[in-house]
Amino acid sequence: MRVPFLDLKAQYQTIASEVQAGLQRVLDSCAFANGPEVAAFEKAFSEFLRIEQCVAVNSGTSALHLALIAAEVGPGDEVITTAHTFVATAWAICYVGAKPVFADIDPIAMTIDAAQVGKLISKKTKCLLPVHLYGCAADLDGLVPLAKEHKLALVEDAAQAHGARLHRQRLGTFGDFGCFSFYPGKNLGAYGEGGAVVTDNAEAAERLRRLRDHAQPRRYVHEELGFNMRMDGFQGAVLCAKLPHLDQWNAARRRVAERYCQELAELDGLSLPVPRADSEPVWHLFVVRHRKRDELQKLLADKGVGTGLHYPIPVHLQPAFSYLGLKEGSLPHTEAAAAQCLTLPMFAEMSDAQVDHVIASVKKAMAALA
């Protein structure tokens, strides 16, 4: 048996008629940029999250970029974030002319360590930008009070956390802005690029809508530097078709994660993810850790099990960020995670036989490495 890391075809086959009907509506209306399908998705997603405003854009990176502008972050400011993330989190900070300041991660949860964040806050700090990594909540119990105490903006990178909860509240709705990506492999993925910013601030949402459309309050009037970051109609239609299934898909992912956790827990040397207390992860990724990660990955590949690496080079050690002067050893927990993390197959349509094969393969591989 071969088990892919991700199987988008399997998901499409379950919703093909709904997706095709939505695409046909866009073709019939010729509303290819923004348009009624995008507006319908914005309304549905804001209701799903129980937040007032949703502004759809062309990518998760754009969502972060525009959210930082709306949070009044700019040149000379500092934004504290994590280096254990996809690079887009840090790109957005650079796009507005600010400086990314990287806090180390909690070695268990692998999300940003609020205690470390507190030590890094300075007069230049304007914003905190935590990442809800792998579909698991960051330490908002520690970060929200810090943001309030120091009067800092809080922007949540929820690109991997569609539908996840902390204390029964959806992630992305705790801060000033929540940012989502709808890249195809996400729990809620478009059939191309897409993203959204959510907020309860109506005035900020109106500014975001202008910014994504060349900063136009009305046609051919441009109030500030704007961008071409509209979501296209086809992606709005796909997301409208998919959103009603999201909770069901997330529940299926949780069942797979439960199997992994139950049956791999006793393997010596293999560290399993530990979600935060009173949280409901959505398991965008199921990431384990092992000191012989590369050897484990090869053994699993030999058994037909697809795996991924999230993320093998932390952002602070990327060549593009060498100007910050951070070297190996600067963020020890982040660097250890980067060297040890391995992502197992995780998608809602996994069969019991596929899950069984992954578990059996991991056990055999671990025995070979013992």
Protein backbone atom coordinates (compact mmCIF):
# COMPACT_ATOMS: atom_id res chain seq x y z
CA MET A 1 0.00 0.00 0.00
CA ARG A 2 1.05 3.56 -0.71
CA VAL A 3 -0.28 6.38 1.45
CA PRO A 4 0.17 9.90 0.04
CA PHE A 5 1.02 12.79 2.28
CA LEU A 6 -2.13 14.55 1.02
CA ASP A 7 -4.89 13.51 -1.41
CA LEU A 8 -6.81 16.46 -2.84
CA LYS A 9 -8.47 14.30 -5.51
CA ALA A 10 -10.17 12.20 -2.84
CA GLN A 11 -11.76 15.32 -1.37
CA TYR A 12 -12.80 16.73 -4.74
CA GLN A 13 -14.63 13.54 -5.64
CA THR A 14 -16.94 14.01 -2.64
CA ILE A 15 -17.98 17.57 -3.60
CA ALA A 16 -17.49 17.68 -7.38
CA SER A 17 -21.09 18.58 -8.25
CA GLU A 18 -21.21 21.42 -5.69
CA VAL A 19 -17.91 22.88 -6.88
CA GLN A 20 -18.85 22.65 -10.54
CA ALA A 21 -22.19 24.38 -9.89
CA GLY A 22 -20.36 27.25 -8.21
CA LEU A 23 -17.84 27.58 -11.03
CA GLN A 24 -20.68 27.63 -13.53
CA ARG A 25 -22.32 30.51 -11.65
CA VAL A 26 -19.13 32.52 -12.01
CA LEU A 27 -18.95 31.73 -15.73
CA ASP A 28 -22.58 32.72 -16.20
CA SER A 29 -22.15 36.01 -14.32
CA CYS A 30 -18.64 36.79 -15.65
CA ALA A 31 -17.86 38.19 -12.17
CA PHE A 32 -14.27 37.04 -12.19
CA ALA A 33 -12.72 39.50 -9.69
CA ASN A 34 -14.46 39.82 -6.33
CA GLY A 35 -18.14 39.57 -7.23
CA PRO A 36 -21.12 37.82 -5.62
CA GLU A 37 -19.43 34.47 -4.94
CA VAL A 38 -16.63 36.19 -3.01
CA ALA A 39 -19.14 38.31 -1.10
CA ALA A 40 -21.15 35.19 -0.25
CA PHE A 41 -18.05 33.47 1.07
CA GLU A 42 -17.07 36.51 3.16
CA LYS A 43 -20.50 36.48 4.79
CA ALA A 44 -20.47 32.72 5.38
CA PHE A 45 -16.94 32.66 6.79
CA SER A 46 -17.59 35.56 9.19
CA GLU A 47 -20.71 33.74 10.44
CA PHE A 48 -18.72 30.51 10.80
CA LEU A 49 -16.12 32.30 12.95
CA ARG A 50 -18.72 34.46 14.74
CA ILE A 51 -16.90 37.65 13.87
CA GLU A 52 -18.29 40.80 12.28
CA GLN A 53 -16.08 41.34 9.24
CA CYS A 54 -14.31 39.16 6.66
CA VAL A 55 -12.28 40.64 3.80
CA ALA A 56 -11.25 38.10 1.17
CA VAL A 57 -7.94 38.60 -0.64
CA ASN A 58 -5.72 36.75 -3.08
CA SER A 59 -3.47 34.88 -0.61
CA GLY A 60 -2.68 34.33 3.03
CA THR A 61 0.50 36.35 2.57
CA SER A 62 -1.57 39.31 1.36
CA ALA A 63 -3.90 38.88 4.33
CA LEU A 64 -0.97 39.28 6.74
CA HIS A 65 0.43 42.19 4.76
CA LEU A 66 -2.83 44.14 4.74
CA ALA A 67 -3.60 43.32 8.38
CA LEU A 68 -0.29 44.85 9.45
CA ILE A 69 -1.04 47.98 7.43
CA ALA A 70 -4.46 48.21 9.08
CA ALA A 71 -2.74 47.77 12.45
CA GLU A 72 -0.63 50.86 11.61
CA VAL A 73 2.64 48.91 11.59
CA GLY A 74 5.34 50.58 9.49
CA PRO A 75 9.00 51.54 9.12
CA GLY A 76 10.91 51.67 12.41
CA ASP A 77 8.44 49.39 14.18
CA GLU A 78 9.17 45.90 15.48
CA VAL A 79 6.83 42.91 15.30
CA ILE A 80 7.48 39.92 17.57
CA THR A 81 6.77 36.59 15.93
CA THR A 82 8.10 33.05 15.62
CA ALA A 83 10.80 31.66 13.33
CA HIS A 84 9.14 28.22 13.37
CA THR A 85 6.64 28.97 10.63
CA PHE A 86 6.36 29.32 6.88
CA VAL A 87 8.36 32.33 5.73
CA ALA A 88 5.26 34.31 4.67
CA THR A 89 4.67 35.30 8.30
CA ALA A 90 7.96 37.20 8.30
CA TRP A 91 7.61 38.44 4.71
CA ALA A 92 4.53 40.42 5.69
CA ILE A 93 6.43 42.21 8.43
CA CYS A 94 9.15 43.17 5.97
CA TYR A 95 6.63 44.31 3.35
CA VAL A 96 5.44 47.10 5.67
CA GLY A 97 9.01 48.14 6.44
CA ALA A 98 9.04 46.79 9.99
CA LYS A 99 11.60 44.53 11.64
CA PRO A 100 10.74 40.94 12.58
CA VAL A 101 11.87 40.03 16.09
CA PHE A 102 11.89 36.28 16.66
CA ALA A 103 10.98 34.72 19.99
CA ASP A 104 11.84 31.10 20.67
CA ILE A 105 9.12 28.47 20.85
CA ASP A 106 7.75 26.42 23.70
CA PRO A 107 9.56 23.10 23.15
CA ILE A 108 6.40 21.07 23.88
CA ALA A 109 3.68 23.02 22.06
CA MET A 110 6.12 24.27 19.37
CA THR A 111 4.28 27.61 19.18
CA ILE A 112 5.70 30.96 20.26
CA ASP A 113 6.69 31.13 23.94
CA ALA A 114 4.78 33.98 25.60
CA ALA A 115 7.44 34.26 28.35
CA GLN A 116 10.09 34.87 25.70
CA VAL A 117 7.85 37.40 23.98
CA GLY A 118 7.53 39.36 27.21
CA LYS A 119 11.32 39.68 27.43
CA LEU A 120 11.59 41.02 23.86
CA ILE A 121 9.02 43.83 24.06
CA SER A 122 10.70 47.22 23.60
CA LYS A 123 9.70 50.80 22.84
CA LYS A 124 9.80 49.89 19.15
CA THR A 125 7.42 46.94 19.47
CA LYS A 126 4.13 47.68 17.70
CA CYS A 127 2.55 44.27 17.22
CA LEU A 128 2.56 40.63 18.32
CA LEU A 129 2.10 38.09 15.54
CA PRO A 130 1.63 34.54 16.88
CA VAL A 131 1.13 31.56 14.56
CA HIS A 132 -1.42 28.84 15.32
CA LEU A 133 0.92 26.19 14.01
CA TYR A 134 -0.20 22.88 12.49
CA GLY A 135 -3.83 23.70 13.39
CA CYS A 136 -3.04 24.00 17.12
CA ALA A 137 -3.56 27.12 19.22
CA ALA A 138 -0.70 29.39 20.20
CA ASP A 139 -0.54 30.59 23.81
CA LEU A 140 -3.20 33.27 23.59
CA ASP A 141 -3.75 33.08 27.35
CA GLY A 142 -0.25 34.50 27.69
CA LEU A 143 -0.18 36.76 24.63
CA VAL A 144 -3.52 38.56 24.86
CA PRO A 145 -2.70 40.07 28.30
CA LEU A 146 0.76 41.09 27.05
CA ALA A 147 -0.77 42.90 24.08
CA LYS A 148 -3.26 44.71 26.31
CA GLU A 149 -0.68 45.64 28.94
CA HIS A 150 1.72 47.15 26.41
CA LYS A 151 -0.99 48.52 24.08
CA LEU A 152 0.20 46.40 21.16
CA ALA A 153 -1.74 45.19 18.15
CA LEU A 154 -2.36 41.45 18.08
CA VAL A 155 -2.51 39.84 14.64
CA GLU A 156 -3.18 36.10 14.56
CA ASP A 157 -1.65 34.02 11.78
CA ALA A 158 -4.39 31.39 11.54
CA ALA A 159 -3.35 30.16 8.09
CA GLN A 160 -3.31 26.56 9.35
CA ALA A 161 -6.15 26.76 11.86
CA HIS A 162 -9.48 26.97 10.02
CA GLY A 163 -12.14 26.10 12.57
CA ALA A 164 -9.79 25.38 15.50
CA ARG A 165 -10.87 26.56 18.94
CA LEU A 166 -9.41 27.69 22.25
CA HIS A 167 -11.83 27.91 25.19
CA ARG A 168 -14.60 27.17 22.62
CA GLN A 169 -13.78 30.31 20.63
CA ARG A 170 -12.56 30.04 17.04
CA LEU A 171 -8.92 30.93 16.47
CA GLY A 172 -8.43 34.10 14.45
CA THR A 173 -11.02 35.98 16.51
CA PHE A 174 -9.01 36.79 19.67
CA GLY A 175 -6.84 39.61 18.33
CA ASP A 176 -7.34 42.80 16.37
CA PHE A 177 -7.06 40.83 13.12
CA GLY A 178 -7.05 37.16 12.15
CA CYS A 179 -5.38 36.08 8.91
CA PHE A 180 -6.22 32.94 6.94
CA SER A 181 -4.74 31.24 3.91
CA PHE A 182 -6.82 29.15 1.52
CA TYR A 183 -3.89 27.58 -0.29
CA PRO A 184 -5.15 24.28 -1.80
CA GLY A 185 -3.59 22.02 0.84
CA LYS A 186 -5.19 23.83 3.78
CA ASN A 187 -8.12 22.38 5.76
CA LEU A 188 -10.25 24.88 3.86
CA GLY A 189 -8.41 25.19 0.57
CA ALA A 190 -9.26 26.99 -2.66
CA TYR A 191 -8.42 25.65 -6.11
CA GLY A 192 -5.67 28.23 -6.46
CA GLU A 193 -4.57 31.01 -4.13
CA GLY A 194 -6.76 32.81 -1.61
CA GLY A 195 -6.78 34.40 1.82
CA ALA A 196 -8.84 36.51 4.21
CA VAL A 197 -8.55 38.99 7.07
CA VAL A 198 -11.21 38.89 9.77
CA THR A 199 -11.91 41.54 12.39
CA ASP A 200 -14.63 43.09 14.53
CA ASN A 201 -13.42 46.56 13.53
CA ALA A 202 -15.79 47.76 10.80
CA GLU A 203 -13.74 50.86 9.98
CA ALA A 204 -10.57 48.81 9.56
CA ALA A 205 -12.45 46.30 7.38
CA GLU A 206 -13.55 49.08 5.03
CA ARG A 207 -9.95 50.22 4.73
CA LEU A 208 -8.88 46.65 3.98
CA ARG A 209 -11.48 46.43 1.22
CA ARG A 210 -10.11 49.60 -0.34
CA LEU A 211 -6.49 48.52 0.01
CA ARG A 212 -7.07 45.20 -1.77
CA ASP A 213 -8.59 47.11 -4.73
CA HIS A 214 -5.94 49.79 -5.42
CA ALA A 215 -7.10 51.85 -2.40
CA GLN A 216 -10.20 53.04 -4.26
CA PRO A 217 -13.09 54.45 -2.23
CA ARG A 218 -14.71 54.96 -5.64
CA ARG A 219 -13.61 54.29 -9.20
CA TYR A 220 -10.35 55.98 -10.22
CA VAL A 221 -9.89 57.73 -6.86
CA HIS A 222 -6.91 56.43 -4.88
CA GLU A 223 -6.49 57.63 -1.29
CA GLU A 224 -3.20 55.91 -0.40
CA LEU A 225 -0.81 53.27 -1.68
CA GLY A 226 -3.05 50.41 -2.74
CA PHE A 227 -2.65 46.86 -4.00
CA ASN A 228 -4.19 44.44 -6.47
CA MET A 229 -5.10 41.74 -3.95
CA ARG A 230 -8.68 40.83 -4.84
CA MET A 231 -9.91 37.27 -4.56
CA ASP A 232 -11.14 35.91 -7.87
CA GLY A 233 -14.70 34.70 -8.27
CA PHE A 234 -13.77 31.08 -8.93
CA GLN A 235 -12.02 30.81 -5.56
CA GLY A 236 -15.00 32.37 -3.81
CA ALA A 237 -17.25 29.77 -5.41
CA VAL A 238 -14.98 26.87 -4.41
CA LEU A 239 -14.74 28.11 -0.83
CA CYS A 240 -18.52 28.56 -0.61
CA ALA A 241 -18.92 24.94 -1.70
CA LYS A 242 -16.35 23.67 0.78
CA LEU A 243 -17.12 25.67 3.93
CA PRO A 244 -20.27 23.71 4.95
CA HIS A 245 -18.13 20.55 5.05
CA LEU A 246 -15.26 22.00 7.10
CA ASP A 247 -16.38 20.92 10.58
CA GLN A 248 -17.01 17.39 9.31
CA TRP A 249 -13.59 17.26 7.64
CA ASN A 250 -11.91 18.58 10.77
CA ALA A 251 -13.67 15.93 12.86
CA ALA A 252 -12.30 13.26 10.50
CA ARG A 253 -8.80 14.67 10.93
CA ARG A 254 -9.22 14.51 14.70
CA ARG A 255 -10.13 10.82 14.44
CA VAL A 256 -6.93 10.15 12.48
CA ALA A 257 -4.91 12.14 15.03
CA GLU A 258 -6.47 10.19 17.89
CA ARG A 259 -5.44 6.91 16.24
CA TYR A 260 -1.89 8.17 15.79
CA CYS A 261 -1.68 9.38 19.39
CA GLN A 262 -3.12 6.19 20.86
CA GLU A 263 -1.02 3.74 18.86
CA LEU A 264 2.29 5.58 18.62
CA ALA A 265 2.43 6.85 22.20
CA GLU A 266 4.64 4.09 23.55
CA LEU A 267 7.37 4.32 20.91
CA ASP A 268 10.60 5.25 22.64
CA GLY A 269 12.28 8.27 21.05
CA LEU A 270 9.25 9.46 19.08
CA SER A 271 7.67 12.69 20.38
CA LEU A 272 4.01 13.28 19.55
CA PRO A 273 2.23 16.65 19.42
CA VAL A 274 0.67 17.95 22.64
CA PRO A 275 -2.24 20.37 22.06
CA ARG A 276 -2.87 23.17 24.52
CA ALA A 277 -5.33 22.55 27.37
CA ASP A 278 -8.98 23.43 26.60
CA SER A 279 -8.24 23.67 22.88
CA GLU A 280 -9.70 21.90 19.87
CA PRO A 281 -7.02 21.49 17.20
CA VAL A 282 -7.93 20.83 13.57
CA TRP A 283 -4.72 18.94 12.73
CA HIS A 284 -3.77 20.70 9.53
CA LEU A 285 -0.52 18.79 10.02
CA PHE A 286 0.41 15.93 12.34
CA VAL A 287 4.04 16.54 13.23
CA VAL A 288 6.17 14.10 15.22
CA ARG A 289 9.77 14.55 16.34
CA HIS A 290 12.73 12.18 16.26
CA ARG A 291 16.47 12.81 16.56
CA LYS A 292 17.06 10.64 13.45
CA ARG A 293 14.32 12.39 11.46
CA ASP A 294 15.93 12.00 8.03
CA GLU A 295 16.52 8.28 8.51
CA LEU A 296 12.95 7.83 9.72
CA GLN A 297 11.63 9.68 6.68
CA LYS A 298 13.60 7.44 4.32
CA LEU A 299 12.39 4.25 6.02
CA LEU A 300 8.78 5.43 5.74
CA ALA A 301 9.26 6.32 2.07
CA ASP A 302 10.53 2.77 1.47
CA LYS A 303 7.23 1.53 2.90
CA GLY A 304 5.15 3.80 0.66
CA VAL A 305 4.30 6.42 3.29
CA GLY A 306 4.49 10.03 2.14
CA THR A 307 5.79 12.56 4.66
CA GLY A 308 6.65 16.26 4.80
CA LEU A 309 9.05 18.62 6.57
CA HIS A 310 7.53 21.62 8.38
CA TYR A 311 9.90 23.48 8.61
CA PRO A 312 13.49 22.26 8.08
CA ILE A 313 15.19 25.68 8.02
CA PRO A 314 13.85 28.19 10.56
CA VAL A 315 13.16 31.67 9.28
CA HIS A 316 15.90 33.35 11.31
CA LEU A 317 18.53 31.18 9.56
CA GLN A 318 17.21 31.79 6.04
CA PRO A 319 19.65 33.74 3.81
CA ALA A 320 17.04 36.44 3.24
CA PHE A 321 17.12 37.29 6.96
CA SER A 322 20.88 37.20 7.46
CA TYR A 323 20.80 40.98 7.91
CA LEU A 324 19.28 40.43 11.36
CA GLY A 325 22.56 38.91 12.50
CA LEU A 326 21.04 35.82 14.13
CA LYS A 327 23.24 32.73 14.11
CA GLU A 328 22.80 29.07 14.94
CA GLY A 329 22.09 28.78 18.65
CA SER A 330 20.07 32.02 18.75
CA LEU A 331 16.78 30.14 19.13
CA PRO A 332 17.68 26.69 20.43
CA HIS A 333 14.18 25.23 20.77
CA THR A 334 13.21 26.45 17.31
CA GLU A 335 16.36 24.99 15.78
CA ALA A 336 15.87 21.64 17.53
CA ALA A 337 12.33 21.42 16.19
CA ALA A 338 13.51 22.24 12.66
CA ALA A 339 16.04 19.40 12.81
CA GLN A 340 13.66 16.82 14.26
CA CYS A 341 10.15 17.46 12.88
CA LEU A 342 8.51 15.01 10.47
CA THR A 343 4.94 15.33 9.23
CA LEU A 344 2.85 12.18 8.81
CA PRO A 345 0.00 11.82 6.28
CA MET A 346 -3.09 13.71 7.38
CA PHE A 347 -6.26 14.31 5.38
CA ALA A 348 -9.94 13.83 6.14
CA GLU A 349 -10.47 11.11 3.54
CA MET A 350 -7.85 8.72 4.94
CA SER A 351 -9.23 5.19 5.14
CA ASP A 352 -8.78 2.97 8.17
CA ALA A 353 -6.49 0.80 6.06
CA GLN A 354 -4.31 3.79 5.20
CA VAL A 355 -4.08 4.86 8.85
CA ASP A 356 -3.26 1.28 9.82
CA HIS A 357 -0.48 1.19 7.23
CA VAL A 358 1.05 4.45 8.46
CA ILE A 359 1.00 3.27 12.08
CA ALA A 360 2.47 -0.12 11.23
CA SER A 361 5.14 1.48 9.06
CA VAL A 362 6.16 3.94 11.80
CA LYS A 363 6.43 1.09 14.30
CA LYS A 364 8.60 -0.96 11.95
CA ALA A 365 10.78 2.04 11.13
CA MET A 366 11.25 2.86 14.80
CA ALA A 367 12.23 -0.72 15.52
CA ALA A 368 14.85 -0.50 12.75
CA LEU A 369 16.25 2.69 14.27
CA ALA A 370 16.41 1.32 17.82
